[in-house]
């Protein structure tokens, strides 16, 4: 499912138009991004938890040349599935 298909699904399920569904989805994604940017987490009981993980700098290898390269540290978004969602998809 891509974003436009998700917007269609939300509009149909919530009985709203596609423009409102698009605005709601964009607001949801922006809220999660802003919260993670502040190094906080978002917990949706039963669905899951979005959190930020810090990945340390490390050495890697260029597969073409075999040379050692430095890979910079970075923050990575993580998602841990909630119990109800896990039960639904099993």
C-alpha atoms as a PDB file:
ATOM      1  CA  UNK A   1       0.000   0.000   0.000  1.00  0.00           C
ATOM      2  CA  UNK A   2       1.369   3.399  -0.915  1.00  0.00           C
ATOM      3  CA  UNK A   3       0.450   6.814   0.520  1.00  0.00           C
ATOM      4  CA  UNK A   4      -2.378   7.562  -1.915  1.00  0.00           C
ATOM      5  CA  UNK A   5      -3.934   4.132  -1.297  1.00  0.00           C
ATOM      6  CA  UNK A   6      -3.680   4.753   2.457  1.00  0.00           C
ATOM      7  CA  UNK A   7      -5.358   8.148   2.051  1.00  0.00           C
ATOM      8  CA  UNK A   8      -8.191   6.493   0.107  1.00  0.00           C
ATOM      9  CA  UNK A   9      -8.571   3.856   2.845  1.00  0.00           C
ATOM     10  CA  UNK A  10      -8.629   6.501   5.611  1.00  0.00           C
ATOM     11  CA  UNK A  11     -11.176   8.629   3.718  1.00  0.00           C
ATOM     12  CA  UNK A  12     -13.441   5.641   3.172  1.00  0.00           C
ATOM     13  CA  UNK A  13     -13.137   4.287   6.726  1.00  0.00           C
ATOM     14  CA  UNK A  14     -13.594   7.661   8.446  1.00  0.00           C
ATOM     15  CA  UNK A  15     -16.264   8.865   6.000  1.00  0.00           C
ATOM     16  CA  UNK A  16     -14.306  12.017   5.126  1.00  0.00           C
ATOM     17  CA  UNK A  17     -13.073  13.359   1.805  1.00  0.00           C
ATOM     18  CA  UNK A  18      -9.602  12.612   0.440  1.00  0.00           C
ATOM     19  CA  UNK A  19      -8.339  16.140   1.066  1.00  0.00           C
ATOM     20  CA  UNK A  20      -9.170  15.879   4.783  1.00  0.00           C
ATOM     21  CA  UNK A  21      -7.659  12.387   4.967  1.00  0.00           C
ATOM     22  CA  UNK A  22      -4.465  13.656   3.300  1.00  0.00           C
ATOM     23  CA  UNK A  23      -4.242  16.558   5.769  1.00  0.00           C
ATOM     24  CA  UNK A  24      -4.791  14.200   8.720  1.00  0.00           C
ATOM     25  CA  UNK A  25      -2.147  11.751   7.537  1.00  0.00           C
ATOM     26  CA  UNK A  26       0.375  14.537   6.888  1.00  0.00           C
ATOM     27  CA  UNK A  27      -0.295  16.001  10.348  1.00  0.00           C
ATOM     28  CA  UNK A  28       0.176  12.551  11.915  1.00  0.00           C
ATOM     29  CA  UNK A  29       3.507  12.010  10.158  1.00  0.00           C
ATOM     30  CA  UNK A  30       4.714  15.535  10.981  1.00  0.00           C
ATOM     31  CA  UNK A  31       3.827  15.096  14.657  1.00  0.00           C
ATOM     32  CA  UNK A  32       5.787  11.849  14.855  1.00  0.00           C
ATOM     33  CA  UNK A  33       8.780  13.387  13.056  1.00  0.00           C
ATOM     34  CA  UNK A  34       8.813  16.450  15.346  1.00  0.00           C
ATOM     35  CA  UNK A  35       8.569  14.284  18.456  1.00  0.00           C
ATOM     36  CA  UNK A  36      11.427  12.038  17.325  1.00  0.00           C
ATOM     37  CA  UNK A  37      13.468  15.117  16.425  1.00  0.00           C
ATOM     38  CA  UNK A  38      13.156  16.191  20.079  1.00  0.00           C
ATOM     39  CA  UNK A  39      14.591  12.774  21.072  1.00  0.00           C
ATOM     40  CA  UNK A  40      11.277  11.663  22.558  1.00  0.00           C
ATOM     41  CA  UNK A  41       9.143   8.647  21.683  1.00  0.00           C
ATOM     42  CA  UNK A  42       5.569   8.196  20.462  1.00  0.00           C
ATOM     43  CA  UNK A  43       3.577   5.348  22.035  1.00  0.00           C
ATOM     44  CA  UNK A  44       0.275   4.303  20.518  1.00  0.00           C
ATOM     45  CA  UNK A  45      -1.127   1.686  22.895  1.00  0.00           C
ATOM     46  CA  UNK A  46      -1.867  -1.539  21.048  1.00  0.00           C
ATOM     47  CA  UNK A  47      -0.316  -0.285  17.789  1.00  0.00           C
ATOM     48  CA  UNK A  48       3.321   0.329  18.631  1.00  0.00           C
ATOM     49  CA  UNK A  49       6.062   2.737  19.637  1.00  0.00           C
ATOM     50  CA  UNK A  50       8.175   5.007  17.461  1.00  0.00           C
ATOM     51  CA  UNK A  51      11.560   5.852  18.984  1.00  0.00           C
ATOM     52  CA  UNK A  52      14.959   7.192  18.032  1.00  0.00           C
ATOM     53  CA  UNK A  53      18.120   5.119  18.179  1.00  0.00           C
ATOM     54  CA  UNK A  54      21.615   6.540  17.938  1.00  0.00           C
ATOM     55  CA  UNK A  55      23.926   4.622  15.618  1.00  0.00           C
ATOM     56  CA  UNK A  56      27.614   5.146  16.458  1.00  0.00           C
ATOM     57  CA  UNK A  57      30.265   6.019  13.890  1.00  0.00           C
ATOM     58  CA  UNK A  58      32.045   2.981  12.521  1.00  0.00           C
ATOM     59  CA  UNK A  59      34.458   1.752   9.898  1.00  0.00           C
ATOM     60  CA  UNK A  60      33.128   0.096   6.777  1.00  0.00           C
ATOM     61  CA  UNK A  61      34.494  -1.227   3.512  1.00  0.00           C
ATOM     62  CA  UNK A  62      33.924  -0.074  -0.037  1.00  0.00           C
ATOM     63  CA  UNK A  63      32.876  -3.332  -1.746  1.00  0.00           C
ATOM     64  CA  UNK A  64      34.362  -2.292  -5.099  1.00  0.00           C
ATOM     65  CA  UNK A  65      37.824  -1.291  -3.901  1.00  0.00           C
ATOM     66  CA  UNK A  66      38.082  -2.982  -0.502  1.00  0.00           C
ATOM     67  CA  UNK A  67      39.223   0.333   1.026  1.00  0.00           C
ATOM     68  CA  UNK A  68      38.240   1.139   4.603  1.00  0.00           C
ATOM     69  CA  UNK A  69      35.851   4.091   4.873  1.00  0.00           C
ATOM     70  CA  UNK A  70      34.448   6.028   7.823  1.00  0.00           C
ATOM     71  CA  UNK A  71      30.686   5.807   8.289  1.00  0.00           C
ATOM     72  CA  UNK A  72      29.357   8.782  10.262  1.00  0.00           C
ATOM     73  CA  UNK A  73      27.180   8.488  13.363  1.00  0.00           C
ATOM     74  CA  UNK A  74      23.471   9.062  12.779  1.00  0.00           C
ATOM     75  CA  UNK A  75      20.050   8.863  14.365  1.00  0.00           C
ATOM     76  CA  UNK A  76      17.727   6.109  13.141  1.00  0.00           C
ATOM     77  CA  UNK A  77      13.954   5.880  13.603  1.00  0.00           C
ATOM     78  CA  UNK A  78      12.726   2.571  15.063  1.00  0.00           C
ATOM     79  CA  UNK A  79       9.264   1.067  15.401  1.00  0.00           C
ATOM     80  CA  UNK A  80       8.344  -1.610  17.928  1.00  0.00           C
ATOM     81  CA  UNK A  81       5.052  -3.371  17.211  1.00  0.00           C
ATOM     82  CA  UNK A  82       2.388  -3.264  19.934  1.00  0.00           C
ATOM     83  CA  UNK A  83       0.697  -6.366  21.312  1.00  0.00           C
ATOM     84  CA  UNK A  84      -2.691  -5.909  19.569  1.00  0.00           C
ATOM     85  CA  UNK A  85      -1.121  -5.221  16.165  1.00  0.00           C
ATOM     86  CA  UNK A  86       1.175  -8.186  16.611  1.00  0.00           C
ATOM     87  CA  UNK A  87      -1.808 -10.440  17.352  1.00  0.00           C
ATOM     88  CA  UNK A  88      -3.677  -9.163  14.280  1.00  0.00           C
ATOM     89  CA  UNK A  89      -0.827  -9.854  11.869  1.00  0.00           C
ATOM     90  CA  UNK A  90       0.021 -13.303  13.216  1.00  0.00           C
END
